[in-house]
Amino acid sequence: MKDEEIIELYFKRNERAIEETDIKYGNYLESIANNILNDDLDVEECLNDTYLKTWDKIPPTRPKVFKAFLAKIARELAFDKYRASRSKKRGNGTMHEILDELEECIPASNGVEQSILGQELENIIADYVRSLPEREAFIFLSRYFYADDITTISKKYGISKNNVSVMLSRLRAKLRTRLVKEGYLAS
C-alpha cells in the first residue's frame, strides 16, 4: 500500500492504518528502537507507542515523508524510554558512547528557554547534515540518528572502524564550529 493511502486511512480514522503501517514499516521502526534500547520488551512497547502517537498526530498533521515522520516518532520515544531507564546495561553501552560523543557539541537541554533553543538547534543540525557530502551525511545519521554502533557502520560502508571513528570525530568538530558560528555555542 502506498504511503498516501495509509495516511488517508488515518484521516478516515480507520484502524487498518495501523496494521498497514506495521506491515510496511514495522521492521524499520523496530530496528531504530532496538539500536537505542536493545531490549525486546522495551522495543515492542516503543513500537506500540509509536503507532499510538502516529494515530494521535494524523490528523491534523499530513506528513510529507511518512517514513521519516514515523522514524522521528520512534526515535524520540526510544530515547525517552532510554533516558527513563538510564541503565548502563542496556544498549551494550552504545547509547552512553553516542551521548558522550555529542555532549561536546550539544549542551543539555533543561527548561523553557532550552526547549525553544532546541528547535533552532534541530534546524541548524539538519542544515549541517544536508551540507555534507552524501557518504558523510549517511555515516553521521547512521551514528547519531539511527544509533548504529561503529562496527555496524564500518561494515555497512566498507571502511575500517578507525576510519569511521576519525570521520565522526571530524564531523563533530565541524558541527561544533558551525554551532559556534551560528551563536548557539560559546567558543
C-alpha atoms as a PDB file:
ATOM      1  CA  MET A   1       0.000   0.000   0.000  1.00  0.00           C
ATOM      2  CA  LYS A   2       1.290   3.484  -0.838  1.00  0.00           C
ATOM      3  CA  ASP A   3       2.076   5.961   1.913  1.00  0.00           C
ATOM      4  CA  GLU A   4      -0.620   8.363   0.731  1.00  0.00           C
ATOM      5  CA  GLU A   5      -3.218   5.588   1.013  1.00  0.00           C
ATOM      6  CA  ILE A   6      -2.090   4.730   4.545  1.00  0.00           C
ATOM      7  CA  ILE A   7      -2.221   8.393   5.566  1.00  0.00           C
ATOM      8  CA  GLU A   8      -5.719   8.622   4.103  1.00  0.00           C
ATOM      9  CA  LEU A   9      -6.763   5.700   6.338  1.00  0.00           C
ATOM     10  CA  TYR A  10      -5.532   7.698   9.355  1.00  0.00           C
ATOM     11  CA  PHE A  11      -7.575  10.688   8.225  1.00  0.00           C
ATOM     12  CA  LYS A  12     -10.634   8.438   7.919  1.00  0.00           C
ATOM     13  CA  ARG A  13      -9.848   7.118  11.450  1.00  0.00           C
ATOM     14  CA  ASN A  14      -9.720   3.594  10.043  1.00  0.00           C
ATOM     15  CA  GLU A  15      -7.784   1.288  12.396  1.00  0.00           C
ATOM     16  CA  ARG A  16      -6.449  -0.583   9.385  1.00  0.00           C
ATOM     17  CA  ALA A  17      -3.998   2.340   9.061  1.00  0.00           C
ATOM     18  CA  ILE A  18      -2.013   0.975  11.997  1.00  0.00           C
ATOM     19  CA  GLU A  19      -1.930  -2.530  10.512  1.00  0.00           C
ATOM     20  CA  GLU A  20      -0.723  -1.201   7.150  1.00  0.00           C
ATOM     21  CA  THR A  21       1.890   0.973   8.863  1.00  0.00           C
ATOM     22  CA  ASP A  22       3.162  -2.052  10.757  1.00  0.00           C
ATOM     23  CA  ILE A  23       3.263  -4.205   7.617  1.00  0.00           C
ATOM     24  CA  LYS A  24       5.175  -1.600   5.627  1.00  0.00           C
ATOM     25  CA  TYR A  25       7.417  -0.044   8.296  1.00  0.00           C
ATOM     26  CA  GLY A  26       7.330  -2.311  11.349  1.00  0.00           C
ATOM     27  CA  ASN A  27      10.777  -3.870  10.777  1.00  0.00           C
ATOM     28  CA  TYR A  28      12.310  -0.478  10.024  1.00  0.00           C
ATOM     29  CA  LEU A  29      10.889   1.098  13.192  1.00  0.00           C
ATOM     30  CA  GLU A  30      11.863  -1.945  15.239  1.00  0.00           C
ATOM     31  CA  SER A  31      15.438  -1.588  14.037  1.00  0.00           C
ATOM     32  CA  ILE A  32      15.566   2.062  15.111  1.00  0.00           C
ATOM     33  CA  ALA A  33      14.141   1.311  18.552  1.00  0.00           C
ATOM     34  CA  ASN A  34      16.345  -1.749  19.020  1.00  0.00           C
ATOM     35  CA  ASN A  35      19.522   0.210  18.234  1.00  0.00           C
ATOM     36  CA  ILE A  36      18.668   2.554  21.088  1.00  0.00           C
ATOM     37  CA  LEU A  37      17.023   0.234  23.617  1.00  0.00           C
ATOM     38  CA  ASN A  38      18.417  -3.242  22.903  1.00  0.00           C
ATOM     39  CA  ASP A  39      15.603  -4.861  24.883  1.00  0.00           C
ATOM     40  CA  ASP A  40      12.803  -6.799  23.160  1.00  0.00           C
ATOM     41  CA  LEU A  41      10.045  -5.775  25.592  1.00  0.00           C
ATOM     42  CA  ASP A  42      11.040  -2.104  25.508  1.00  0.00           C
ATOM     43  CA  VAL A  43      11.229  -2.218  21.710  1.00  0.00           C
ATOM     44  CA  GLU A  44       7.753  -3.749  21.465  1.00  0.00           C
ATOM     45  CA  GLU A  45       6.370  -1.107  23.836  1.00  0.00           C
ATOM     46  CA  CYS A  46       8.116   1.609  21.830  1.00  0.00           C
ATOM     47  CA  LEU A  47       6.544   0.340  18.594  1.00  0.00           C
ATOM     48  CA  ASN A  48       3.081   0.316  20.149  1.00  0.00           C
ATOM     49  CA  ASP A  49       3.642   3.849  21.463  1.00  0.00           C
ATOM     50  CA  THR A  50       4.847   4.909  18.004  1.00  0.00           C
ATOM     51  CA  TYR A  51       1.642   3.681  16.401  1.00  0.00           C
ATOM     52  CA  LEU A  52      -0.470   5.366  19.093  1.00  0.00           C
ATOM     53  CA  LYS A  53       1.369   8.672  18.724  1.00  0.00           C
ATOM     54  CA  THR A  54       1.047   8.448  14.939  1.00  0.00           C
ATOM     55  CA  TRP A  55      -2.702   7.859  15.358  1.00  0.00           C
ATOM     56  CA  ASP A  56      -2.885  10.952  17.593  1.00  0.00           C
ATOM     57  CA  LYS A  57      -0.882  13.167  15.218  1.00  0.00           C
ATOM     58  CA  ILE A  58      -2.644  12.186  11.974  1.00  0.00           C
ATOM     59  CA  PRO A  59      -4.889  14.126  11.557  1.00  0.00           C
ATOM     60  CA  PRO A  60      -4.263  17.072  11.710  1.00  0.00           C
ATOM     61  CA  THR A  61      -0.694  16.510  10.518  1.00  0.00           C
ATOM     62  CA  ARG A  62      -0.233  15.306   6.951  1.00  0.00           C
ATOM     63  CA  PRO A  63       3.380  14.091   6.756  1.00  0.00           C
ATOM     64  CA  LYS A  64       5.278  14.825   3.539  1.00  0.00           C
ATOM     65  CA  VAL A  65       7.644  11.873   4.045  1.00  0.00           C
ATOM     66  CA  PHE A  66       5.748   9.246   6.042  1.00  0.00           C
ATOM     67  CA  LYS A  67       8.784   7.020   6.666  1.00  0.00           C
ATOM     68  CA  ALA A  68      10.795   9.911   8.150  1.00  0.00           C
ATOM     69  CA  PHE A  69       7.764  11.030  10.171  1.00  0.00           C
ATOM     70  CA  LEU A  70       7.473   7.553  11.718  1.00  0.00           C
ATOM     71  CA  ALA A  71      11.241   7.260  12.267  1.00  0.00           C
ATOM     72  CA  LYS A  72      11.332  10.539  14.170  1.00  0.00           C
ATOM     73  CA  ILE A  73       8.474   9.462  16.451  1.00  0.00           C
ATOM     74  CA  ALA A  74      10.026   6.031  17.106  1.00  0.00           C
ATOM     75  CA  ARG A  75      13.442   7.546  17.766  1.00  0.00           C
ATOM     76  CA  GLU A  76      12.114  10.188  20.182  1.00  0.00           C
ATOM     77  CA  LEU A  77      10.077   7.607  22.089  1.00  0.00           C
ATOM     78  CA  ALA A  78      13.038   5.211  22.255  1.00  0.00           C
ATOM     79  CA  PHE A  79      15.323   7.959  23.589  1.00  0.00           C
ATOM     80  CA  ASP A  80      12.672   8.935  26.165  1.00  0.00           C
ATOM     81  CA  LYS A  81      12.410   5.307  27.281  1.00  0.00           C
ATOM     82  CA  TYR A  82      16.193   5.002  27.356  1.00  0.00           C
ATOM     83  CA  ARG A  83      16.562   8.126  29.488  1.00  0.00           C
ATOM     84  CA  ALA A  84      13.846   6.849  31.816  1.00  0.00           C
ATOM     85  CA  SER A  85      15.579   3.538  32.348  1.00  0.00           C
ATOM     86  CA  ARG A  86      19.132   5.005  32.292  1.00  0.00           C
ATOM     87  CA  SER A  87      20.561   1.566  32.872  1.00  0.00           C
ATOM     88  CA  LYS A  88      24.232   1.072  31.896  1.00  0.00           C
ATOM     89  CA  LYS A  89      23.482  -2.490  30.821  1.00  0.00           C
ATOM     90  CA  ARG A  90      21.094  -1.572  28.036  1.00  0.00           C
ATOM     91  CA  GLY A  91      22.406  -0.913  24.582  1.00  0.00           C
ATOM     92  CA  ASN A  92      25.744  -2.512  25.487  1.00  0.00           C
ATOM     93  CA  GLY A  93      26.993   0.977  26.310  1.00  0.00           C
ATOM     94  CA  THR A  94      26.402   2.243  22.765  1.00  0.00           C
ATOM     95  CA  MET A  95      23.940   4.915  23.859  1.00  0.00           C
ATOM     96  CA  HIS A  96      26.332   6.183  26.523  1.00  0.00           C
ATOM     97  CA  GLU A  97      29.055   6.435  23.873  1.00  0.00           C
ATOM     98  CA  ILE A  98      26.781   8.327  21.489  1.00  0.00           C
ATOM     99  CA  LEU A  99      25.593  10.742  24.145  1.00  0.00           C
ATOM    100  CA  ASP A 100      29.168  11.307  25.341  1.00  0.00           C
ATOM    101  CA  GLU A 101      30.315  11.984  21.769  1.00  0.00           C
ATOM    102  CA  LEU A 102      27.613  14.564  21.189  1.00  0.00           C
ATOM    103  CA  GLU A 103      27.970  16.171  24.604  1.00  0.00           C
ATOM    104  CA  GLU A 104      30.958  18.187  23.343  1.00  0.00           C
ATOM    105  CA  CYS A 105      28.721  19.793  20.695  1.00  0.00           C
ATOM    106  CA  ILE A 106      25.283  19.943  22.217  1.00  0.00           C
ATOM    107  CA  PRO A 107      24.619  21.169  25.764  1.00  0.00           C
ATOM    108  CA  ALA A 108      21.978  19.563  27.976  1.00  0.00           C
ATOM    109  CA  SER A 109      18.511  20.978  27.452  1.00  0.00           C
ATOM    110  CA  ASN A 110      16.552  21.901  30.552  1.00  0.00           C
ATOM    111  CA  GLY A 111      13.827  24.492  30.935  1.00  0.00           C
ATOM    112  CA  VAL A 112      11.648  26.519  28.612  1.00  0.00           C
ATOM    113  CA  GLU A 113      14.466  28.598  27.101  1.00  0.00           C
ATOM    114  CA  GLN A 114      16.410  25.453  26.204  1.00  0.00           C
ATOM    115  CA  SER A 115      13.258  23.934  24.732  1.00  0.00           C
ATOM    116  CA  ILE A 116      12.869  26.912  22.399  1.00  0.00           C
ATOM    117  CA  LEU A 117      16.558  26.769  21.504  1.00  0.00           C
ATOM    118  CA  GLY A 118      16.106  23.035  20.823  1.00  0.00           C
ATOM    119  CA  GLN A 119      14.040  23.765  17.706  1.00  0.00           C
ATOM    120  CA  GLU A 120      16.696  26.183  16.496  1.00  0.00           C
ATOM    121  CA  LEU A 121      19.372  23.569  17.164  1.00  0.00           C
ATOM    122  CA  GLU A 122      17.395  20.964  15.225  1.00  0.00           C
ATOM    123  CA  ASN A 123      17.247  23.299  12.214  1.00  0.00           C
ATOM    124  CA  ILE A 124      20.983  24.059  12.372  1.00  0.00           C
ATOM    125  CA  ILE A 125      21.877  20.367  12.558  1.00  0.00           C
ATOM    126  CA  ALA A 126      19.502  19.453   9.721  1.00  0.00           C
ATOM    127  CA  ASP A 127      21.064  22.164   7.562  1.00  0.00           C
ATOM    128  CA  TYR A 128      24.544  20.976   8.548  1.00  0.00           C
ATOM    129  CA  VAL A 129      23.763  17.366   7.575  1.00  0.00           C
ATOM    130  CA  ARG A 130      22.277  18.496   4.231  1.00  0.00           C
ATOM    131  CA  SER A 131      25.517  20.376   3.507  1.00  0.00           C
ATOM    132  CA  LEU A 132      27.675  17.257   3.969  1.00  0.00           C
ATOM    133  CA  PRO A 133      28.771  15.012   1.110  1.00  0.00           C
ATOM    134  CA  GLU A 134      26.334  12.100   0.794  1.00  0.00           C
ATOM    135  CA  ARG A 135      28.579   9.426   2.354  1.00  0.00           C
ATOM    136  CA  GLU A 136      29.481  11.592   5.365  1.00  0.00           C
ATOM    137  CA  ALA A 137      25.831  12.520   5.866  1.00  0.00           C
ATOM    138  CA  PHE A 138      24.812   8.846   5.840  1.00  0.00           C
ATOM    139  CA  ILE A 139      27.556   7.936   8.321  1.00  0.00           C
ATOM    140  CA  PHE A 140      26.624  10.851  10.615  1.00  0.00           C
ATOM    141  CA  LEU A 141      22.936   9.871  10.507  1.00  0.00           C
ATOM    142  CA  SER A 142      23.751   6.182  11.000  1.00  0.00           C
ATOM    143  CA  ARG A 143      25.534   7.020  14.232  1.00  0.00           C
ATOM    144  CA  TYR A 144      23.530   9.904  15.654  1.00  0.00           C
ATOM    145  CA  PHE A 145      20.025   9.313  14.317  1.00  0.00           C
ATOM    146  CA  TYR A 146      19.813   5.536  13.980  1.00  0.00           C
ATOM    147  CA  ALA A 147      22.271   4.885  16.860  1.00  0.00           C
ATOM    148  CA  ASP A 148      24.276   2.303  14.901  1.00  0.00           C
ATOM    149  CA  ASP A 149      27.500   1.181  16.562  1.00  0.00           C
ATOM    150  CA  ILE A 150      30.892   1.793  14.948  1.00  0.00           C
ATOM    151  CA  THR A 151      31.248  -1.845  13.822  1.00  0.00           C
ATOM    152  CA  THR A 152      27.891  -1.810  12.038  1.00  0.00           C
ATOM    153  CA  ILE A 153      28.717   1.470  10.284  1.00  0.00           C
ATOM    154  CA  SER A 154      32.142   0.120   9.316  1.00  0.00           C
ATOM    155  CA  LYS A 155      30.593  -2.956   7.688  1.00  0.00           C
ATOM    156  CA  LYS A 156      27.756  -1.021   6.065  1.00  0.00           C
ATOM    157  CA  TYR A 157      30.093   1.441   4.327  1.00  0.00           C
ATOM    158  CA  GLY A 158      33.081  -0.853   3.793  1.00  0.00           C
ATOM    159  CA  ILE A 159      35.588   1.214   5.758  1.00  0.00           C
ATOM    160  CA  SER A 160      37.668   0.455   8.846  1.00  0.00           C
ATOM    161  CA  LYS A 161      36.312   1.122  12.338  1.00  0.00           C
ATOM    162  CA  ASN A 162      39.184   3.545  12.895  1.00  0.00           C
ATOM    163  CA  ASN A 163      38.237   5.431   9.721  1.00  0.00           C
ATOM    164  CA  VAL A 164      34.626   5.674  10.948  1.00  0.00           C
ATOM    165  CA  SER A 165      35.772   6.977  14.344  1.00  0.00           C
ATOM    166  CA  VAL A 166      38.066   9.577  12.791  1.00  0.00           C
ATOM    167  CA  MET A 167      35.380  10.681  10.323  1.00  0.00           C
ATOM    168  CA  LEU A 168      32.801  11.050  13.108  1.00  0.00           C
ATOM    169  CA  SER A 169      35.280  12.999  15.224  1.00  0.00           C
ATOM    170  CA  ARG A 170      35.902  15.414  12.349  1.00  0.00           C
ATOM    171  CA  LEU A 171      32.187  15.728  11.643  1.00  0.00           C
ATOM    172  CA  ARG A 172      31.508  16.556  15.306  1.00  0.00           C
ATOM    173  CA  ALA A 173      34.284  19.163  15.248  1.00  0.00           C
ATOM    174  CA  LYS A 174      32.758  20.741  12.107  1.00  0.00           C
ATOM    175  CA  LEU A 175      29.332  20.696  13.764  1.00  0.00           C
ATOM    176  CA  ARG A 176      30.732  22.341  16.867  1.00  0.00           C
ATOM    177  CA  THR A 177      32.355  25.044  14.717  1.00  0.00           C
ATOM    178  CA  ARG A 178      29.041  25.567  12.922  1.00  0.00           C
ATOM    179  CA  LEU A 179      27.171  25.864  16.228  1.00  0.00           C
ATOM    180  CA  VAL A 180      29.683  28.440  17.490  1.00  0.00           C
ATOM    181  CA  LYS A 181      29.394  30.379  14.200  1.00  0.00           C
ATOM    182  CA  GLU A 182      25.590  30.345  14.459  1.00  0.00           C
ATOM    183  CA  GLY A 183      25.818  31.679  18.018  1.00  0.00           C
ATOM    184  CA  TYR A 184      24.350  28.553  19.534  1.00  0.00           C
ATOM    185  CA  LEU A 185      27.526  27.705  21.498  1.00  0.00           C
ATOM    186  CA  ALA A 186      30.241  29.854  23.036  1.00  0.00           C
ATOM    187  CA  SER A 187      33.677  29.231  21.593  1.00  0.00           C
END
